[in-house]
Protein backbone atom coordinates (compact mmCIF):
# COMPACT_ATOMS: atom_id res chain seq x y z
CA MET A 1 0.00 0.22 -0.03
CA LEU A 2 0.98 3.36 -1.01
CA VAL A 3 0.79 6.57 0.90
CA VAL A 4 0.74 10.36 -1.42
CA PHE A 5 1.59 13.78 0.12
CA ASP A 6 0.32 16.19 -2.12
CA ILE A 7 1.82 19.50 -0.40
CA GLY A 8 -0.18 22.99 -1.61
CA ASN A 9 -0.15 26.14 -0.35
CA THR A 10 -3.56 25.60 1.24
CA ASN A 11 -3.53 22.04 2.89
CA ILE A 12 -1.74 18.50 2.61
CA ALA A 13 -3.64 16.23 0.89
CA LEU A 14 -3.31 12.78 1.86
CA GLY A 15 -4.06 9.06 0.08
CA ILE A 16 -3.34 5.88 0.55
CA PHE A 17 -3.31 3.82 -2.70
CA GLU A 18 -3.62 -0.74 -2.87
CA GLU A 19 -1.94 -0.76 -6.22
CA ASP A 20 -3.22 1.95 -8.58
CA LYS A 21 -6.68 2.15 -6.87
CA LEU A 22 -7.54 4.87 -3.56
CA LEU A 23 -8.76 3.85 -0.96
CA ASP A 24 -9.31 6.61 1.59
CA ASN A 25 -7.66 10.62 1.86
CA TRP A 26 -8.35 13.24 3.84
CA LYS A 27 -6.61 16.61 4.64
CA ILE A 28 -4.48 18.38 6.52
CA PRO A 29 -3.58 22.55 7.14
CA THR A 30 -0.33 23.92 5.51
CA ASP A 31 1.78 25.84 7.79
CA VAL A 32 5.17 26.54 7.23
CA GLY A 33 5.28 27.11 11.12
CA LYS A 34 4.37 23.76 12.02
CA THR A 35 7.81 21.08 13.12
CA GLN A 36 8.39 18.05 11.68
CA VAL A 37 7.10 16.47 14.96
CA GLN A 38 4.49 17.98 14.73
CA TYR A 39 2.92 17.62 10.92
CA GLY A 40 4.05 13.25 12.55
CA LYS A 41 1.10 13.58 15.03
CA LEU A 42 -1.10 14.76 12.55
CA ILE A 43 -0.04 12.21 9.68
CA GLU A 44 -0.74 9.27 12.80
CA LYS A 45 -3.75 10.94 14.13
CA GLY A 46 -5.21 10.66 10.63
CA PHE A 47 -4.12 7.43 10.29
CA THR A 48 -5.68 6.67 14.05
CA GLN A 49 -8.74 8.59 13.42
CA ARG A 50 -9.28 6.70 9.87
CA LYS A 51 -8.41 3.08 11.39
CA HIS A 52 -6.12 2.57 9.02
CA SER A 53 -2.74 0.78 10.23
CA LEU A 54 0.89 2.16 9.12
CA LYS A 55 2.70 -1.44 9.09
CA ASN A 56 0.53 -1.59 6.00
CA ILE A 57 2.49 0.75 4.18
CA THR A 58 5.27 0.01 1.76
CA GLY A 59 5.79 3.94 -0.28
CA ILE A 60 6.09 6.93 -0.14
CA VAL A 61 5.38 10.06 -2.33
CA ILE A 62 5.18 13.02 -2.33
CA GLY A 63 4.52 15.66 -4.57
CA SER A 64 5.41 19.88 -2.88
CA VAL A 65 4.72 23.14 -3.56
CA VAL A 66 5.70 24.58 -0.35
CA PRO A 67 9.38 24.11 -0.05
CA ALA A 68 9.77 24.98 3.59
CA VAL A 69 7.30 22.16 4.06
CA THR A 70 8.80 19.01 2.06
CA PRO A 71 11.47 18.55 3.80
CA LYS A 72 9.41 18.24 7.04
CA ILE A 73 6.77 16.22 5.53
CA LYS A 74 9.75 13.43 4.12
CA LYS A 75 11.32 13.27 7.99
CA ALA A 76 8.06 12.62 9.60
CA ALA A 77 6.47 9.96 7.14
CA GLN A 78 10.29 8.22 7.11
CA GLN A 79 10.54 8.02 10.56
CA ILE A 80 6.79 7.29 10.83
CA PHE A 81 6.74 4.40 8.85
CA SER A 82 10.20 3.33 8.25
CA ILE A 83 10.56 4.02 4.32
CA LYS A 84 12.41 6.51 2.79
CA PRO A 85 9.67 8.51 0.42
CA MET A 86 10.00 9.14 -3.56
CA ILE A 87 9.86 13.09 -4.07
CA VAL A 88 8.65 13.52 -7.87
CA SER A 89 10.03 16.91 -9.14
CA GLY A 90 10.97 18.21 -12.60
CA LYS A 91 14.12 16.09 -11.93
CA SER A 92 12.23 12.38 -11.57
CA LYS A 93 11.17 9.76 -14.42
CA LEU A 94 8.36 10.59 -16.05
CA PRO A 95 5.32 8.64 -18.46
CA ILE A 96 5.55 12.23 -20.31
CA LYS A 97 8.05 14.36 -21.69
CA LEU A 98 8.33 17.89 -20.18
CA SER A 99 9.32 19.63 -22.68
CA VAL A 100 9.00 23.22 -21.56
CA GLU A 101 12.51 25.65 -21.45
CA ASN A 102 12.55 24.07 -18.06
CA PRO A 103 11.55 21.19 -16.97
CA LYS A 104 13.39 20.93 -13.60
CA GLY A 105 11.49 23.87 -13.00
CA VAL A 106 7.67 22.04 -13.11
CA GLY A 107 5.58 22.28 -9.95
CA ALA A 108 5.07 17.95 -8.83
CA ASP A 109 1.42 19.29 -9.33
CA ILE A 110 1.07 20.36 -12.68
CA ILE A 111 3.74 17.24 -13.53
CA ALA A 112 0.82 14.64 -11.66
CA ASP A 113 -2.03 16.25 -13.60
CA CYS A 114 -0.35 16.19 -16.72
CA VAL A 115 0.54 12.20 -15.72
CA VAL A 116 -3.19 11.14 -15.43
CA ALA A 117 -4.67 13.86 -18.44
CA HIS A 118 -2.33 11.26 -19.98
CA ASN A 119 -3.11 8.36 -19.57
CA LEU A 120 -6.82 8.99 -19.27
CA PHE A 121 -7.14 10.71 -22.85
CA SER A 122 -5.55 10.69 -26.07
CA GLY A 123 -4.75 13.00 -28.14
CA THR A 124 -4.55 16.41 -27.10
CA SER A 125 -5.70 17.44 -22.77
CA ILE A 126 -6.20 20.39 -20.91
CA ALA A 127 -6.04 19.26 -17.19
CA ILE A 128 -7.52 22.46 -15.06
CA ASP A 129 -6.12 23.10 -11.32
CA LEU A 130 -9.01 25.21 -9.55
CA GLY A 131 -6.76 25.57 -6.48
CA THR A 132 -5.04 28.04 -4.57
CA ALA A 133 -3.67 29.20 -7.60
CA THR A 134 -5.27 28.11 -10.81
CA THR A 135 -3.38 26.37 -13.42
CA PHE A 136 -4.42 25.48 -16.85
CA ASN A 137 -2.26 22.90 -17.84
CA VAL A 138 -1.69 21.30 -21.65
CA VAL A 139 -0.47 17.82 -22.67
CA SER A 140 0.15 16.83 -26.54
CA ASN A 141 2.20 14.19 -28.06
CA ASN A 142 3.10 12.10 -25.31
CA ALA A 143 4.32 16.22 -23.65
CA TYR A 144 3.61 18.54 -21.21
CA ILE A 145 3.51 22.06 -23.43
CA GLY A 146 2.85 24.79 -21.30
CA SER A 147 0.49 26.17 -18.62
CA VAL A 148 -1.40 29.95 -18.27
CA ILE A 149 -1.39 30.00 -14.09
CA ALA A 150 -4.09 32.86 -12.70
CA PRO A 151 -5.07 33.12 -8.91
CA GLY A 152 -7.14 31.12 -7.24
CA LEU A 153 -10.33 31.60 -5.63
CA SER A 154 -9.20 32.00 -2.60
CA LEU A 155 -6.79 35.02 -3.86
CA MET A 156 -9.20 36.36 -5.22
CA THR A 157 -11.50 36.99 -2.33
CA GLU A 158 -8.42 37.43 0.58
CA TYR A 159 -7.00 39.93 -1.47
CA LEU A 160 -9.90 41.73 -1.97
CA ALA A 161 -10.55 42.59 1.60
CA GLU A 162 -6.30 42.86 2.13
CA LYS A 163 -6.32 45.95 -0.62
CA THR A 164 -9.20 47.77 0.58
CA ALA A 165 -10.65 49.90 3.80
CA LEU A 166 -13.96 48.44 4.57
CA LEU A 167 -14.35 45.56 2.79
CA PRO A 168 -14.53 42.11 5.19
CA LYS A 169 -12.64 39.15 4.68
CA ILE A 170 -15.43 37.02 4.27
CA LYS A 171 -16.14 32.95 3.89
CA PHE A 172 -16.53 32.35 0.24
CA ASN A 173 -19.82 30.40 -1.08
CA GLU A 174 -21.98 30.83 -4.07
CA PRO A 175 -24.12 33.58 -3.89
CA GLN A 176 -27.56 33.85 -4.16
CA SER A 177 -28.03 36.19 -6.54
CA ILE A 178 -25.98 37.50 -9.44
CA ILE A 179 -26.55 40.99 -7.57
CA GLY A 180 -25.89 41.85 -3.84
CA LYS A 181 -28.12 43.26 -1.23
CA THR A 182 -25.05 43.45 1.25
CA THR A 183 -21.46 44.01 0.82
CA ILE A 184 -20.74 40.49 1.57
CA ASP A 185 -23.31 39.50 -0.91
CA CYS A 186 -21.98 41.93 -3.16
CA MET A 187 -18.22 40.33 -2.89
CA LYS A 188 -19.11 36.79 -3.19
CA SER A 189 -21.03 37.96 -6.30
CA GLY A 190 -18.31 39.70 -7.86
CA ILE A 191 -15.79 37.10 -7.27
CA PHE A 192 -18.24 33.67 -7.81
CA TYR A 193 -18.93 35.01 -11.02
CA GLY A 194 -15.33 36.86 -12.15
CA TYR A 195 -13.56 33.72 -11.51
CA ILE A 196 -16.11 31.75 -13.35
CA GLY A 197 -15.37 34.13 -16.18
CA LEU A 198 -11.47 34.29 -16.02
CA VAL A 199 -11.96 30.44 -16.35
CA GLU A 200 -14.25 30.05 -18.97
CA ASN A 201 -11.98 33.17 -20.80
CA ILE A 202 -8.90 31.19 -20.31
CA LEU A 203 -9.81 28.15 -21.37
CA LYS A 204 -11.83 29.47 -24.44
CA LYS A 205 -8.56 31.41 -25.72
CA ILE A 206 -6.78 27.99 -25.19
CA LYS A 207 -8.95 25.84 -27.72
CA THR A 208 -8.85 28.28 -30.38
CA LYS A 209 -5.38 26.45 -30.89
CA TYR A 210 -6.52 22.93 -29.06
CA LYS A 211 -10.02 23.15 -30.20
CA ASP A 212 -10.39 18.94 -29.87
CA ALA A 213 -8.35 19.29 -26.18
CA THR A 214 -9.92 17.09 -23.57
CA VAL A 215 -10.55 19.58 -20.58
CA ILE A 216 -10.32 17.70 -16.79
CA VAL A 217 -10.62 19.70 -13.93
CA THR A 218 -9.35 19.13 -10.16
CA GLY A 219 -8.03 21.04 -7.45
CA GLY A 220 -9.72 22.27 -4.05
CA ASN A 221 -11.61 24.51 -5.48
CA SER A 222 -13.62 22.13 -7.87
CA SER A 223 -16.46 20.98 -6.04
CA LEU A 224 -17.41 24.53 -5.40
CA ILE A 225 -16.64 25.83 -9.39
CA ALA A 226 -16.47 23.17 -11.54
CA SER A 227 -20.32 22.25 -12.50
CA ARG A 228 -21.17 25.54 -13.43
CA LEU A 229 -17.79 26.03 -15.87
CA ARG A 230 -18.83 25.08 -19.86
CA GLY A 231 -16.57 23.07 -21.49
CA ILE A 232 -16.00 20.44 -19.29
CA ASP A 233 -15.74 17.01 -20.00
CA LYS A 234 -14.52 15.47 -16.92
CA ILE A 235 -14.06 16.35 -12.79
CA GLU A 236 -11.73 14.30 -11.01
CA PRO A 237 -11.16 16.13 -7.25
CA ASN A 238 -8.21 13.79 -6.97
CA LEU A 239 -6.10 14.37 -9.60
CA THR A 240 -3.20 14.87 -8.08
CA LEU A 241 -3.31 12.22 -6.27
CA GLU A 242 -3.84 10.26 -8.58
CA GLY A 243 -0.95 11.19 -10.63
CA LEU A 244 1.52 11.47 -7.83
CA CYS A 245 0.66 7.68 -7.63
CA ILE A 246 0.77 6.85 -11.45
CA THR A 247 4.29 8.11 -11.19
CA TYR A 248 5.29 6.38 -8.21
CA SER A 249 4.16 2.62 -10.12
CA PHE A 250 6.85 4.21 -13.54
CA ASN A 251 9.36 4.73 -11.20
CA LYS A 252 9.23 1.23 -9.66
CA GLN A 253 8.74 -0.28 -12.41
CA ALA A 254 11.17 1.47 -14.89
C-alpha cells in the first residue's frame, strides 16, 4: 500500500492507495510554522482516526509546491513508516516529456495532473487545477507543453479584503443572486462570477489553438466551481493524488 502526500499552499492532501486504487484521502492544513514532530503527530492522528494501520504502508511518494514544508513531511513520514519517500519533481523519471524551457522547474502538482490527463485521454488534453493558484496545463503528443497560471478563488477573496479599507474578509460560498443586497453578498457575486469568467475565457483562448482538446478539472475549488463551467469533459477532485501514484508506479517499474 502506498501513502501519497500532495503538499499545496493551503492544504496537504493525503491519499492511501492499494496498487492503483485510491482507498481513502483526507487533508491537513499547510502551515510553514509547524515542525516535523507536529506534522508527524497529525499524520499519525489521521491514520488512527480513519482506522488505517501504519504497518500496511510499503511506499511513500511526495509532491510539493511548498519547499519549506517538504523536508518536514519527508522526515516525519520516513520516521513513521521507516520507508524513504520518493519526491516527485521535474528531475523525476516520468511517463511524459516536459517540453518547456526549464523542465526541472515544473511543479509536482502540474506534473501529476498532466500524467493523469495523458493516461486518461488520447490526443491533446487540458488539466485545469482550481487550487490556491489556477493552472491550465496542456498535454499533447505525450508531452507537457506549457501552462497558464492565474490567481485562485481564495487569493481573489483574500486580496480584495487586504487591499481595501472597508471590505471585510469573508468565508466564500456561492451567491444567491448576481446582484447583492449586502456588502458580503456583493463581494461573493463579484468573486464567484468573475472567477468563472476568468476560467472560461482562458479555456476558450487555449481551445482556439487546441480545438479538440479534452478538458479535465481538479483542485480544492472544483466541487464549488467546476459544475458551473462550460466546456468541461470530466471532473476529478483527486487528480493530483492519482498522478503522484502513477508516477511512483512508473519509477518502480523503470
